[in-house]
C-alpha cells in the first residue's frame, strides 16, 4: 500500500512539473504571467480528474473484497 502511495505521489509531482514547464516555461511568475498560470491550473485539474476516474474504474470492477454476510 505504501509503495502505491509513493508511486502515485511521484507520478503526480512529475505530471505537475511537466505541466508547469509546458505552460509557464522559464518565465518568472508575476502578475503578467497569470494567464499562463491559470491555464496550467485548469489543465492540471483536468488531467488529475481523468486519472482519478481511471483509478475508480478498476476499483468498481473489482468489487468488495469482503463478504458482509455472517458465516454460520
N, C-alpha and C. Protein backbone atom coordinates (compact mmCIF):
# COMPACT_ATOMS: atom_id res chain seq x y z
N UNK A 1 0.83 -1.19 0.00
CA UNK A 1 0.00 0.00 0.00
C UNK A 1 0.87 1.25 0.00
N UNK A 2 1.91 1.24 0.83
CA UNK A 2 2.79 2.41 0.88
C UNK A 2 3.54 2.61 -0.43
N UNK A 3 3.89 1.52 -1.09
CA UNK A 3 4.57 1.64 -2.38
C UNK A 3 3.67 2.29 -3.40
N UNK A 4 2.41 1.91 -3.43
CA UNK A 4 1.47 2.51 -4.37
C UNK A 4 1.25 3.98 -4.07
N UNK A 5 1.21 4.34 -2.80
CA UNK A 5 1.08 5.75 -2.43
C UNK A 5 2.28 6.55 -2.92
N UNK A 6 3.47 6.00 -2.70
CA UNK A 6 4.69 6.70 -3.11
C UNK A 6 4.76 6.83 -4.62
N UNK A 7 4.39 5.77 -5.34
CA UNK A 7 4.37 5.84 -6.80
C UNK A 7 3.37 6.89 -7.27
N UNK A 8 2.19 6.96 -6.65
CA UNK A 8 1.19 7.96 -7.01
C UNK A 8 1.67 9.37 -6.74
N UNK A 9 2.31 9.58 -5.61
CA UNK A 9 2.84 10.91 -5.29
C UNK A 9 3.93 11.32 -6.27
N UNK A 10 4.81 10.38 -6.59
CA UNK A 10 5.89 10.67 -7.52
C UNK A 10 5.35 10.96 -8.91
N UNK A 11 4.40 10.17 -9.34
CA UNK A 11 3.81 10.38 -10.66
C UNK A 11 3.07 11.72 -10.73
N UNK A 12 2.33 12.07 -9.69
CA UNK A 12 1.59 13.33 -9.72
C UNK A 12 2.52 14.53 -9.71
N UNK A 13 3.62 14.45 -8.96
CA UNK A 13 4.58 15.56 -8.96
C UNK A 13 5.28 15.68 -10.31
N UNK A 14 5.53 14.55 -10.96
CA UNK A 14 6.15 14.58 -12.29
C UNK A 14 5.21 15.22 -13.31
N UNK A 15 3.95 14.86 -13.24
CA UNK A 15 2.97 15.45 -14.16
C UNK A 15 2.82 16.94 -13.90
N UNK A 16 2.74 17.33 -12.64
CA UNK A 16 2.60 18.76 -12.31
C UNK A 16 3.82 19.55 -12.78
N UNK A 17 5.00 19.00 -12.59
CA UNK A 17 6.22 19.68 -13.05
C UNK A 17 6.26 19.80 -14.56
N UNK A 18 5.84 18.74 -15.25
CA UNK A 18 5.79 18.78 -16.70
C UNK A 18 4.82 19.84 -17.19
N UNK A 19 3.64 19.90 -16.58
CA UNK A 19 2.65 20.90 -16.99
C UNK A 19 3.13 22.33 -16.70
N UNK A 20 3.81 22.52 -15.59
CA UNK A 20 4.35 23.85 -15.29
C UNK A 20 5.37 24.25 -16.35
N UNK A 21 6.25 23.33 -16.70
CA UNK A 21 7.28 23.67 -17.68
C UNK A 21 6.68 23.93 -19.06
N UNK A 22 5.59 23.24 -19.39
CA UNK A 22 4.95 23.46 -20.69
C UNK A 22 4.21 24.80 -20.73
N UNK A 23 3.44 25.11 -19.68
CA UNK A 23 2.60 26.29 -19.71
C UNK A 23 3.29 27.56 -19.22
N UNK A 24 4.16 27.45 -18.25
CA UNK A 24 4.82 28.64 -17.70
C UNK A 24 6.20 28.79 -18.30
N UNK A 25 6.90 27.69 -18.50
CA UNK A 25 8.23 27.75 -19.10
C UNK A 25 9.24 28.38 -18.15
N UNK A 26 10.15 29.13 -18.71
CA UNK A 26 11.19 29.76 -17.89
C UNK A 26 10.82 31.17 -17.47
N UNK A 27 9.61 31.60 -17.73
CA UNK A 27 9.18 32.95 -17.35
C UNK A 27 9.07 33.05 -15.83
N UNK A 28 9.44 34.17 -15.31
CA UNK A 28 9.28 34.37 -13.86
C UNK A 28 7.81 34.63 -13.56
N UNK A 29 7.37 34.17 -12.43
CA UNK A 29 5.97 34.33 -12.07
C UNK A 29 5.73 35.75 -11.58
N UNK A 30 4.88 36.43 -12.28
CA UNK A 30 4.50 37.80 -11.93
C UNK A 30 3.03 37.97 -12.32
N UNK A 31 2.49 39.14 -12.07
CA UNK A 31 1.09 39.37 -12.42
C UNK A 31 0.85 39.25 -13.91
N UNK A 32 1.82 39.56 -14.71
CA UNK A 32 1.64 39.49 -16.16
C UNK A 32 1.55 38.06 -16.67
N UNK A 33 2.06 37.10 -15.91
CA UNK A 33 2.01 35.71 -16.35
C UNK A 33 0.86 34.94 -15.73
N UNK A 34 -0.12 35.64 -15.20
CA UNK A 34 -1.23 34.96 -14.54
C UNK A 34 -2.09 34.15 -15.51
N UNK A 35 -2.15 34.56 -16.77
CA UNK A 35 -2.94 33.81 -17.75
C UNK A 35 -2.34 32.43 -17.98
N UNK A 36 -1.03 32.35 -18.12
CA UNK A 36 -0.40 31.03 -18.32
C UNK A 36 -0.49 30.19 -17.06
N UNK A 37 -0.42 30.82 -15.91
CA UNK A 37 -0.56 30.09 -14.66
C UNK A 37 -1.97 29.53 -14.51
N UNK A 38 -2.97 30.30 -14.84
CA UNK A 38 -4.36 29.82 -14.77
C UNK A 38 -4.61 28.70 -15.78
N UNK A 39 -4.01 28.80 -16.95
CA UNK A 39 -4.15 27.74 -17.94
C UNK A 39 -3.53 26.45 -17.41
N UNK A 40 -2.36 26.56 -16.75
CA UNK A 40 -1.71 25.40 -16.17
C UNK A 40 -2.58 24.77 -15.09
N UNK A 41 -3.17 25.58 -14.24
CA UNK A 41 -4.00 25.07 -13.16
C UNK A 41 -5.23 24.34 -13.72
N UNK A 42 -5.86 24.92 -14.73
CA UNK A 42 -7.04 24.29 -15.32
C UNK A 42 -6.69 22.96 -15.97
N UNK A 43 -5.60 22.92 -16.71
CA UNK A 43 -5.19 21.68 -17.37
C UNK A 43 -4.80 20.63 -16.33
N UNK A 44 -4.11 21.04 -15.27
CA UNK A 44 -3.69 20.07 -14.27
C UNK A 44 -4.90 19.49 -13.55
N UNK A 45 -5.91 20.31 -13.24
CA UNK A 45 -7.12 19.76 -12.63
C UNK A 45 -7.80 18.77 -13.56
N UNK A 46 -7.83 19.07 -14.83
CA UNK A 46 -8.45 18.17 -15.80
C UNK A 46 -7.67 16.85 -15.89
N UNK A 47 -6.36 16.93 -15.98
CA UNK A 47 -5.53 15.73 -16.07
C UNK A 47 -5.71 14.86 -14.83
N UNK A 48 -5.66 15.47 -13.65
CA UNK A 48 -5.78 14.68 -12.42
C UNK A 48 -7.20 14.15 -12.20
N UNK A 49 -8.20 14.86 -12.69
CA UNK A 49 -9.57 14.34 -12.60
C UNK A 49 -9.73 13.10 -13.48
N UNK A 50 -9.15 13.14 -14.67
CA UNK A 50 -9.21 11.98 -15.56
C UNK A 50 -8.45 10.80 -14.94
N UNK A 51 -7.28 11.07 -14.34
CA UNK A 51 -6.54 9.99 -13.69
C UNK A 51 -7.32 9.40 -12.52
N UNK A 52 -8.04 10.23 -11.79
CA UNK A 52 -8.87 9.72 -10.69
C UNK A 52 -9.99 8.84 -11.21
N UNK A 53 -10.63 9.25 -12.30
CA UNK A 53 -11.70 8.44 -12.88
C UNK A 53 -11.16 7.11 -13.39
N UNK A 54 -9.97 7.14 -13.98
CA UNK A 54 -9.35 5.89 -14.43
C UNK A 54 -9.06 4.98 -13.25
N UNK A 55 -8.66 5.55 -12.13
CA UNK A 55 -8.40 4.77 -10.93
C UNK A 55 -9.65 4.22 -10.28
N UNK A 56 -10.75 4.91 -10.43
CA UNK A 56 -12.01 4.47 -9.84
C UNK A 56 -12.56 3.24 -10.57
N UNK A 57 -12.39 3.20 -11.87
CA UNK A 57 -12.95 2.11 -12.66
C UNK A 57 -12.46 0.72 -12.22
N UNK A 58 -11.15 0.49 -12.07
CA UNK A 58 -10.74 -0.84 -11.60
C UNK A 58 -11.26 -1.17 -10.21
N UNK A 59 -11.38 -0.15 -9.38
CA UNK A 59 -11.89 -0.39 -8.03
C UNK A 59 -13.36 -0.82 -8.07
N UNK A 60 -14.14 -0.22 -8.95
CA UNK A 60 -15.55 -0.61 -9.09
C UNK A 60 -15.67 -2.00 -9.71
N UNK A 61 -14.81 -2.30 -10.66
CA UNK A 61 -14.86 -3.60 -11.31
C UNK A 61 -14.47 -4.71 -10.33
N UNK A 62 -13.49 -4.43 -9.48
CA UNK A 62 -13.03 -5.42 -8.52
C UNK A 62 -14.12 -5.79 -7.54
N UNK A 63 -14.90 -4.81 -7.13
CA UNK A 63 -15.98 -5.07 -6.18
C UNK A 63 -15.47 -5.14 -4.76
N UNK A 64 -16.27 -5.69 -3.91
CA UNK A 64 -15.93 -5.77 -2.50
C UNK A 64 -15.00 -6.96 -2.25
N UNK A 65 -14.00 -6.75 -1.42
CA UNK A 65 -13.09 -7.84 -1.07
C UNK A 65 -13.63 -8.69 0.06
N UNK A 66 -14.53 -8.14 0.84
CA UNK A 66 -15.07 -8.84 2.00
C UNK A 66 -16.56 -9.08 1.82
N UNK A 67 -16.99 -10.26 2.19
CA UNK A 67 -18.41 -10.59 2.15
C UNK A 67 -19.01 -10.16 3.48
N UNK A 68 -20.01 -9.31 3.46
CA UNK A 68 -20.59 -8.78 4.68
C UNK A 68 -21.63 -9.70 5.32
N UNK A 69 -21.94 -10.80 4.65
CA UNK A 69 -22.92 -11.73 5.24
C UNK A 69 -22.27 -12.54 6.36
N UNK A 70 -22.97 -12.73 7.47
CA UNK A 70 -22.39 -13.50 8.56
C UNK A 70 -22.27 -14.98 8.20
N UNK A 71 -21.21 -15.61 8.68
CA UNK A 71 -20.99 -17.03 8.41
C UNK A 71 -21.67 -17.85 9.52
N UNK A 72 -22.32 -18.96 9.14
CA UNK A 72 -22.99 -19.82 10.13
C UNK A 72 -22.29 -21.13 10.25
